[in-house]
Every structure is written in C-alpha cells, then in structure tokens.
Amino acid sequence: MHHRTKRTGANPLRREADRTRTRMYAAFALTCLLAVIAGFALGRAAWTDGHRAAENIARHRHTVTATTISDAAYRAGDQPSSRPVTVATATWHYPAQRPHTGTVPVPAGTRNGDTVRVWVDEIGRATAAPPSQADVAVTAVGIGTGALAGIVLAGGALVAVRLRIVDARSARSWESEWAGIEPLWSGRLRPGQGGGDD
C-alpha cells in the first residue's frame, strides 16, 4: 500500500514563519535572476550606445602630424590621483593651410623639432582621441555590473530586514507558547494555580 501526503507543506511542525522564510529566499533568488537579466540588458544597451557614440565622434576627429616647438615636460593629470602627462607645445596645420599651436600629449623624451601625431577636431583644435572599443567595453561592463550589484544589494537588504522581522515575531510567539506549555511540561505551578487545581 502506498502512503501519499495529501498536500505539499502539510508538515504540522512547519510554522507560518518557516513558510515566510522560504518565500523570502525564493524572492531573493528571483531578485538575483532579475538582476542578472537587468545587468546584461543595461550593459548591452551601454555597449550599443557607446559604440554608436564612439563611431560618431571618430567621424569628426582626425590625426595630423605636428612639429614640437618645445621639449617635453610633465604636467599634472586632470584628477588628483591621475598620473602626470608628458606634454609639449607643437604646431600643425588643419584644415589645409590653417596653422594651429597648442600644448599636446607627447611620448616621454620628445625634443624640440620632433614630429608627433595629434588628434584634432573638424576646425583643427587639439582634442582627445575617440573612445576605443576597449573604453566602450569597460564602460558597458561597469554599467552592467553596477546595475547587477545594486539590485542584488537592494533586494538582499529588503529580504534581510523582512527576515529579522519574521525572526522577532517567531521568537515572541515561541515565548508566548512556551509560557503556556512549560508549566504543564515541567509540573511547575503557574501563578494563581493551587496545589489541587488542574
């Protein structure tokens, strides 16, 4: 003869707090899955947008040959934590015969009169190189990872708070039930109970 449980979760020792904990763990697992999906989607969108923007920037930037008119020198980076940059004053022509002079990044050891390659915009001003594929990829990965971590941390914090509330309620419930059962179990008299009372 086969014995079958009438329904799932019919264990009489399983309390409502246990079921709530199970639901919270399932919700956190679902949150992690959604975080992965959202992180991937945002990272992919950032990659697509960044790639498109980089291509657009690259269409409006060009490299020209410039001639240095000073030796290389070190200049502090834009951020306090960034490394110093080697720069020199150089001249170049862009477009056609329009001359420009400016301070541009150069390799270390560059001397007066050396030629260097310089990125310029459409009117010939010195500018930064367009973002590379690696730059776009790093940004996309950062956005995707940040979204994933943010969602997991937020979901984890909410589940942790909810579980603490459940644990506190469960402890109070156990104490209340134990206060009623312990005197019967131990044979100790309850307050207000006489020796002959049941």
C-alpha atoms as a PDB file:
ATOM      1  CA  MET A   1       0.000   0.000   0.000  1.00  0.00           C
ATOM      2  CA  HIS A   2       1.331   3.416  -0.964  1.00  0.00           C
ATOM      3  CA  HIS A   3       1.211   6.281   1.500  1.00  0.00           C
ATOM      4  CA  ARG A   4       0.948   9.710  -0.056  1.00  0.00           C
ATOM      5  CA  THR A   5       0.915  13.120   1.550  1.00  0.00           C
ATOM      6  CA  LYS A   6      -2.375  14.888   0.989  1.00  0.00           C
ATOM      7  CA  ARG A   7      -0.744  18.186   0.041  1.00  0.00           C
ATOM      8  CA  THR A   8       2.645  19.828  -0.096  1.00  0.00           C
ATOM      9  CA  GLY A   9       3.619  21.634   3.084  1.00  0.00           C
ATOM     10  CA  ALA A  10       1.353  19.515   5.290  1.00  0.00           C
ATOM     11  CA  ASN A  11       4.110  19.105   7.900  1.00  0.00           C
ATOM     12  CA  PRO A  12       2.497  20.094  11.250  1.00  0.00           C
ATOM     13  CA  LEU A  13       5.884  21.259  12.566  1.00  0.00           C
ATOM     14  CA  ARG A  14       6.214  23.800   9.760  1.00  0.00           C
ATOM     15  CA  ARG A  15       5.130  27.187  11.033  1.00  0.00           C
ATOM     16  CA  GLU A  16       3.996  30.265   9.160  1.00  0.00           C
ATOM     17  CA  ALA A  17       7.405  31.827   9.886  1.00  0.00           C
ATOM     18  CA  ASP A  18       9.079  28.905   8.117  1.00  0.00           C
ATOM     19  CA  ARG A  19       6.871  29.378   5.079  1.00  0.00           C
ATOM     20  CA  THR A  20       7.615  33.113   5.097  1.00  0.00           C
ATOM     21  CA  ARG A  21      11.351  32.421   5.224  1.00  0.00           C
ATOM     22  CA  THR A  22      11.030  30.055   2.270  1.00  0.00           C
ATOM     23  CA  ARG A  23       9.136  32.708   0.320  1.00  0.00           C
ATOM     24  CA  MET A  24      11.814  35.313   1.184  1.00  0.00           C
ATOM     25  CA  TYR A  25      14.623  33.035  -0.007  1.00  0.00           C
ATOM     26  CA  ALA A  26      12.704  32.340  -3.217  1.00  0.00           C
ATOM     27  CA  ALA A  27      12.122  36.090  -3.681  1.00  0.00           C
ATOM     28  CA  PHE A  28      15.843  36.757  -3.216  1.00  0.00           C
ATOM     29  CA  ALA A  29      16.725  34.051  -5.754  1.00  0.00           C
ATOM     30  CA  LEU A  30      14.276  35.636  -8.200  1.00  0.00           C
ATOM     31  CA  THR A  31      15.781  39.065  -7.477  1.00  0.00           C
ATOM     32  CA  CYS A  32      19.251  37.697  -8.306  1.00  0.00           C
ATOM     33  CA  LEU A  33      17.954  36.278 -11.581  1.00  0.00           C
ATOM     34  CA  LEU A  34      16.295  39.584 -12.474  1.00  0.00           C
ATOM     35  CA  ALA A  35      19.497  41.426 -11.508  1.00  0.00           C
ATOM     36  CA  VAL A  36      21.489  39.306 -13.960  1.00  0.00           C
ATOM     37  CA  ILE A  37      18.962  39.974 -16.713  1.00  0.00           C
ATOM     38  CA  ALA A  38      18.823  43.704 -15.966  1.00  0.00           C
ATOM     39  CA  GLY A  39      22.623  43.968 -15.712  1.00  0.00           C
ATOM     40  CA  PHE A  40      23.059  42.191 -19.038  1.00  0.00           C
ATOM     41  CA  ALA A  41      20.388  44.337 -20.727  1.00  0.00           C
ATOM     42  CA  LEU A  42      21.827  47.614 -19.400  1.00  0.00           C
ATOM     43  CA  GLY A  43      25.386  46.568 -20.249  1.00  0.00           C
ATOM     44  CA  ARG A  44      24.338  45.643 -23.778  1.00  0.00           C
ATOM     45  CA  ALA A  45      22.461  48.943 -24.195  1.00  0.00           C
ATOM     46  CA  ALA A  46      25.513  50.850 -22.902  1.00  0.00           C
ATOM     47  CA  TRP A  47      27.733  48.943 -25.346  1.00  0.00           C
ATOM     48  CA  THR A  48      25.431  49.719 -28.291  1.00  0.00           C
ATOM     49  CA  ASP A  49      25.055  53.403 -27.380  1.00  0.00           C
ATOM     50  CA  GLY A  50      28.754  53.800 -26.573  1.00  0.00           C
ATOM     51  CA  HIS A  51      29.808  52.110 -29.809  1.00  0.00           C
ATOM     52  CA  ARG A  52      27.480  54.347 -31.820  1.00  0.00           C
ATOM     53  CA  ALA A  53      28.719  57.470 -29.990  1.00  0.00           C
ATOM     54  CA  ALA A  54      32.363  56.455 -30.492  1.00  0.00           C
ATOM     55  CA  GLU A  55      31.785  55.990 -34.229  1.00  0.00           C
ATOM     56  CA  ASN A  56      30.101  59.386 -34.420  1.00  0.00           C
ATOM     57  CA  ILE A  57      32.983  61.051 -32.552  1.00  0.00           C
ATOM     58  CA  ALA A  58      35.549  59.278 -34.741  1.00  0.00           C
ATOM     59  CA  ARG A  59      33.891  60.716 -37.881  1.00  0.00           C
ATOM     60  CA  HIS A  60      34.587  64.242 -36.592  1.00  0.00           C
ATOM     61  CA  ARG A  61      38.161  63.724 -35.369  1.00  0.00           C
ATOM     62  CA  HIS A  62      41.318  63.358 -37.381  1.00  0.00           C
ATOM     63  CA  THR A  63      45.024  62.838 -36.815  1.00  0.00           C
ATOM     64  CA  VAL A  64      47.581  65.285 -38.159  1.00  0.00           C
ATOM     65  CA  THR A  65      51.341  65.499 -37.998  1.00  0.00           C
ATOM     66  CA  ALA A  66      52.522  68.222 -35.625  1.00  0.00           C
ATOM     67  CA  THR A  67      56.004  69.600 -35.011  1.00  0.00           C
ATOM     68  CA  THR A  68      57.054  70.318 -31.429  1.00  0.00           C
ATOM     69  CA  ILE A  69      58.462  73.755 -30.656  1.00  0.00           C
ATOM     70  CA  SER A  70      59.491  72.859 -27.091  1.00  0.00           C
ATOM     71  CA  ASP A  71      60.929  69.914 -25.232  1.00  0.00           C
ATOM     72  CA  ALA A  72      58.584  67.539 -23.421  1.00  0.00           C
ATOM     73  CA  ALA A  73      57.559  68.452 -19.887  1.00  0.00           C
ATOM     74  CA  TYR A  74      55.415  66.792 -17.244  1.00  0.00           C
ATOM     75  CA  ARG A  75      52.022  68.204 -16.374  1.00  0.00           C
ATOM     76  CA  ALA A  76      49.799  67.043 -13.533  1.00  0.00           C
ATOM     77  CA  GLY A  77      46.797  64.955 -14.558  1.00  0.00           C
ATOM     78  CA  ASP A  78      43.237  66.247 -14.505  1.00  0.00           C
ATOM     79  CA  GLN A  79      42.423  64.302 -11.317  1.00  0.00           C
ATOM     80  CA  PRO A  80      44.481  64.377  -8.094  1.00  0.00           C
ATOM     81  CA  SER A  81      45.011  60.607  -8.302  1.00  0.00           C
ATOM     82  CA  SER A  82      45.874  60.539 -12.031  1.00  0.00           C
ATOM     83  CA  ARG A  83      49.444  60.167 -13.283  1.00  0.00           C
ATOM     84  CA  PRO A  84      51.370  63.127 -14.742  1.00  0.00           C
ATOM     85  CA  VAL A  85      51.119  63.567 -18.511  1.00  0.00           C
ATOM     86  CA  THR A  86      54.054  64.293 -20.821  1.00  0.00           C
ATOM     87  CA  VAL A  87      53.225  67.342 -22.958  1.00  0.00           C
ATOM     88  CA  ALA A  88      54.929  69.738 -25.350  1.00  0.00           C
ATOM     89  CA  THR A  89      53.961  72.796 -27.353  1.00  0.00           C
ATOM     90  CA  ALA A  90      53.503  71.945 -31.030  1.00  0.00           C
ATOM     91  CA  THR A  91      52.303  73.482 -34.291  1.00  0.00           C
ATOM     92  CA  TRP A  92      50.226  71.865 -37.029  1.00  0.00           C
ATOM     93  CA  HIS A  93      48.032  72.772 -39.977  1.00  0.00           C
ATOM     94  CA  TYR A  94      44.374  71.727 -40.288  1.00  0.00           C
ATOM     95  CA  PRO A  95      42.419  72.153 -42.459  1.00  0.00           C
ATOM     96  CA  ALA A  96      44.721  72.799 -45.413  1.00  0.00           C
ATOM     97  CA  GLN A  97      46.969  75.771 -44.639  1.00  0.00           C
ATOM     98  CA  ARG A  98      45.348  76.931 -41.386  1.00  0.00           C
ATOM     99  CA  PRO A  99      48.059  76.978 -38.654  1.00  0.00           C
ATOM    100  CA  HIS A 100      47.432  75.967 -35.035  1.00  0.00           C
ATOM    101  CA  THR A 101      49.604  75.970 -31.941  1.00  0.00           C
ATOM    102  CA  GLY A 102      48.853  74.219 -28.683  1.00  0.00           C
ATOM    103  CA  THR A 103      50.039  72.020 -25.853  1.00  0.00           C
ATOM    104  CA  VAL A 104      49.544  68.363 -26.726  1.00  0.00           C
ATOM    105  CA  PRO A 105      50.377  64.992 -25.144  1.00  0.00           C
ATOM    106  CA  VAL A 106      53.637  63.543 -26.475  1.00  0.00           C
ATOM    107  CA  PRO A 107      55.792  60.489 -25.738  1.00  0.00           C
ATOM    108  CA  ALA A 108      58.342  60.891 -22.972  1.00  0.00           C
ATOM    109  CA  GLY A 109      61.704  62.099 -24.298  1.00  0.00           C
ATOM    110  CA  THR A 110      60.209  64.135 -27.159  1.00  0.00           C
ATOM    111  CA  ARG A 111      62.528  67.026 -28.113  1.00  0.00           C
ATOM    112  CA  ASN A 112      62.089  70.376 -29.809  1.00  0.00           C
ATOM    113  CA  GLY A 113      61.587  69.812 -33.562  1.00  0.00           C
ATOM    114  CA  ASP A 114      60.290  66.241 -33.330  1.00  0.00           C
ATOM    115  CA  THR A 115      57.125  65.245 -35.175  1.00  0.00           C
ATOM    116  CA  VAL A 116      54.171  63.724 -33.320  1.00  0.00           C
ATOM    117  CA  ARG A 117      50.663  62.608 -34.235  1.00  0.00           C
ATOM    118  CA  VAL A 118      47.890  64.802 -32.799  1.00  0.00           C
ATOM    119  CA  TRP A 119      44.127  64.283 -32.722  1.00  0.00           C
ATOM    120  CA  VAL A 120      42.180  67.353 -33.851  1.00  0.00           C
ATOM    121  CA  ASP A 121      38.512  68.230 -34.336  1.00  0.00           C
ATOM    122  CA  GLU A 122      36.933  69.493 -37.559  1.00  0.00           C
ATOM    123  CA  ILE A 123      38.265  73.037 -37.133  1.00  0.00           C
ATOM    124  CA  GLY A 124      41.763  71.923 -36.173  1.00  0.00           C
ATOM    125  CA  ARG A 125      41.730  72.276 -32.383  1.00  0.00           C
ATOM    126  CA  ALA A 126      43.661  69.645 -30.418  1.00  0.00           C
ATOM    127  CA  THR A 127      41.341  67.133 -28.802  1.00  0.00           C
ATOM    128  CA  ALA A 128      41.315  63.673 -27.255  1.00  0.00           C
ATOM    129  CA  ALA A 129      41.301  60.508 -29.316  1.00  0.00           C
ATOM    130  CA  PRO A 130      37.859  58.995 -29.908  1.00  0.00           C
ATOM    131  CA  PRO A 131      36.883  56.263 -27.431  1.00  0.00           C
ATOM    132  CA  SER A 132      38.341  52.880 -28.325  1.00  0.00           C
ATOM    133  CA  GLN A 133      36.493  49.561 -28.338  1.00  0.00           C
ATOM    134  CA  ALA A 134      38.185  48.787 -25.004  1.00  0.00           C
ATOM    135  CA  ASP A 135      36.919  52.065 -23.489  1.00  0.00           C
ATOM    136  CA  VAL A 136      33.363  51.318 -24.629  1.00  0.00           C
ATOM    137  CA  ALA A 137      33.597  47.743 -23.327  1.00  0.00           C
ATOM    138  CA  VAL A 138      34.896  48.848 -19.907  1.00  0.00           C
ATOM    139  CA  THR A 139      32.075  51.386 -19.599  1.00  0.00           C
ATOM    140  CA  ALA A 140      29.438  48.815 -20.633  1.00  0.00           C
ATOM    141  CA  VAL A 141      30.775  46.208 -18.211  1.00  0.00           C
ATOM    142  CA  GLY A 142      30.872  48.803 -15.432  1.00  0.00           C
ATOM    143  CA  ILE A 143      27.268  49.830 -16.014  1.00  0.00           C
ATOM    144  CA  GLY A 144      26.043  46.229 -16.237  1.00  0.00           C
ATOM    145  CA  THR A 145      27.976  45.139 -13.156  1.00  0.00           C
ATOM    146  CA  GLY A 146      26.878  48.212 -11.208  1.00  0.00           C
ATOM    147  CA  ALA A 147      23.222  47.563 -12.031  1.00  0.00           C
ATOM    148  CA  LEU A 148      23.531  43.898 -11.081  1.00  0.00           C
ATOM    149  CA  ALA A 149      25.262  44.690  -7.781  1.00  0.00           C
ATOM    150  CA  GLY A 150      22.803  47.463  -6.928  1.00  0.00           C
ATOM    151  CA  ILE A 151      19.747  45.287  -7.484  1.00  0.00           C
ATOM    152  CA  VAL A 152      21.217  42.337  -5.561  1.00  0.00           C
ATOM    153  CA  LEU A 153      22.251  44.552  -2.643  1.00  0.00           C
ATOM    154  CA  ALA A 154      18.882  46.312  -2.504  1.00  0.00           C
ATOM    155  CA  GLY A 155      16.986  43.009  -2.735  1.00  0.00           C
ATOM    156  CA  GLY A 156      19.262  41.404  -0.156  1.00  0.00           C
ATOM    157  CA  ALA A 157      18.781  44.301   2.251  1.00  0.00           C
ATOM    158  CA  LEU A 158      14.981  44.132   1.940  1.00  0.00           C
ATOM    159  CA  VAL A 159      14.969  40.362   2.445  1.00  0.00           C
ATOM    160  CA  ALA A 160      17.318  40.669   5.442  1.00  0.00           C
ATOM    161  CA  VAL A 161      15.039  43.267   7.075  1.00  0.00           C
ATOM    162  CA  ARG A 162      11.982  41.130   6.414  1.00  0.00           C
ATOM    163  CA  LEU A 163      13.689  38.033   7.857  1.00  0.00           C
ATOM    164  CA  ARG A 164      14.672  39.937  11.013  1.00  0.00           C
ATOM    165  CA  ILE A 165      11.026  40.944  11.488  1.00  0.00           C
ATOM    166  CA  VAL A 166       9.914  37.333  10.940  1.00  0.00           C
ATOM    167  CA  ASP A 167      12.538  36.061  13.403  1.00  0.00           C
ATOM    168  CA  ALA A 168      11.485  38.600  16.030  1.00  0.00           C
ATOM    169  CA  ARG A 169       7.801  37.664  15.663  1.00  0.00           C
ATOM    170  CA  SER A 170       8.661  33.971  15.730  1.00  0.00           C
ATOM    171  CA  ALA A 171      10.686  34.401  18.932  1.00  0.00           C
ATOM    172  CA  ARG A 172       7.828  36.272  20.615  1.00  0.00           C
ATOM    173  CA  SER A 173       5.389  33.575  19.506  1.00  0.00           C
ATOM    174  CA  TRP A 174       7.635  30.815  20.858  1.00  0.00           C
ATOM    175  CA  GLU A 175       7.992  32.616  24.184  1.00  0.00           C
ATOM    176  CA  SER A 176       4.228  33.059  24.444  1.00  0.00           C
ATOM    177  CA  GLU A 177       3.523  29.412  23.632  1.00  0.00           C
ATOM    178  CA  TRP A 178       6.304  28.189  25.908  1.00  0.00           C
ATOM    179  CA  ALA A 179       4.897  30.246  28.794  1.00  0.00           C
ATOM    180  CA  GLY A 180       1.662  28.287  28.431  1.00  0.00           C
ATOM    181  CA  ILE A 181       3.214  24.842  27.877  1.00  0.00           C
ATOM    182  CA  GLU A 182       6.263  24.884  30.139  1.00  0.00           C
ATOM    183  CA  PRO A 183       4.399  24.695  33.476  1.00  0.00           C
ATOM    184  CA  LEU A 184       2.441  21.642  32.246  1.00  0.00           C
ATOM    185  CA  TRP A 185       5.522  20.020  30.813  1.00  0.00           C
ATOM    186  CA  SER A 186       7.717  20.645  33.868  1.00  0.00           C
ATOM    187  CA  GLY A 187       4.987  20.164  36.521  1.00  0.00           C
ATOM    188  CA  ARG A 188       5.724  23.622  37.935  1.00  0.00           C
ATOM    189  CA  LEU A 189       2.691  25.527  39.258  1.00  0.00           C
ATOM    190  CA  ARG A 190       1.537  28.527  37.277  1.00  0.00           C
ATOM    191  CA  PRO A 191       0.884  31.803  39.060  1.00  0.00           C
ATOM    192  CA  GLY A 192      -2.570  31.678  40.710  1.00  0.00           C
ATOM    193  CA  GLN A 193      -2.794  27.878  40.468  1.00  0.00           C
ATOM    194  CA  GLY A 194      -3.401  25.918  43.654  1.00  0.00           C
ATOM    195  CA  GLY A 195      -2.000  22.534  44.519  1.00  0.00           C
ATOM    196  CA  GLY A 196      -5.295  20.751  43.716  1.00  0.00           C
ATOM    197  CA  ASP A 197      -6.073  22.715  40.566  1.00  0.00           C
ATOM    198  CA  ASP A 198      -5.896  21.040  37.200  1.00  0.00           C
END
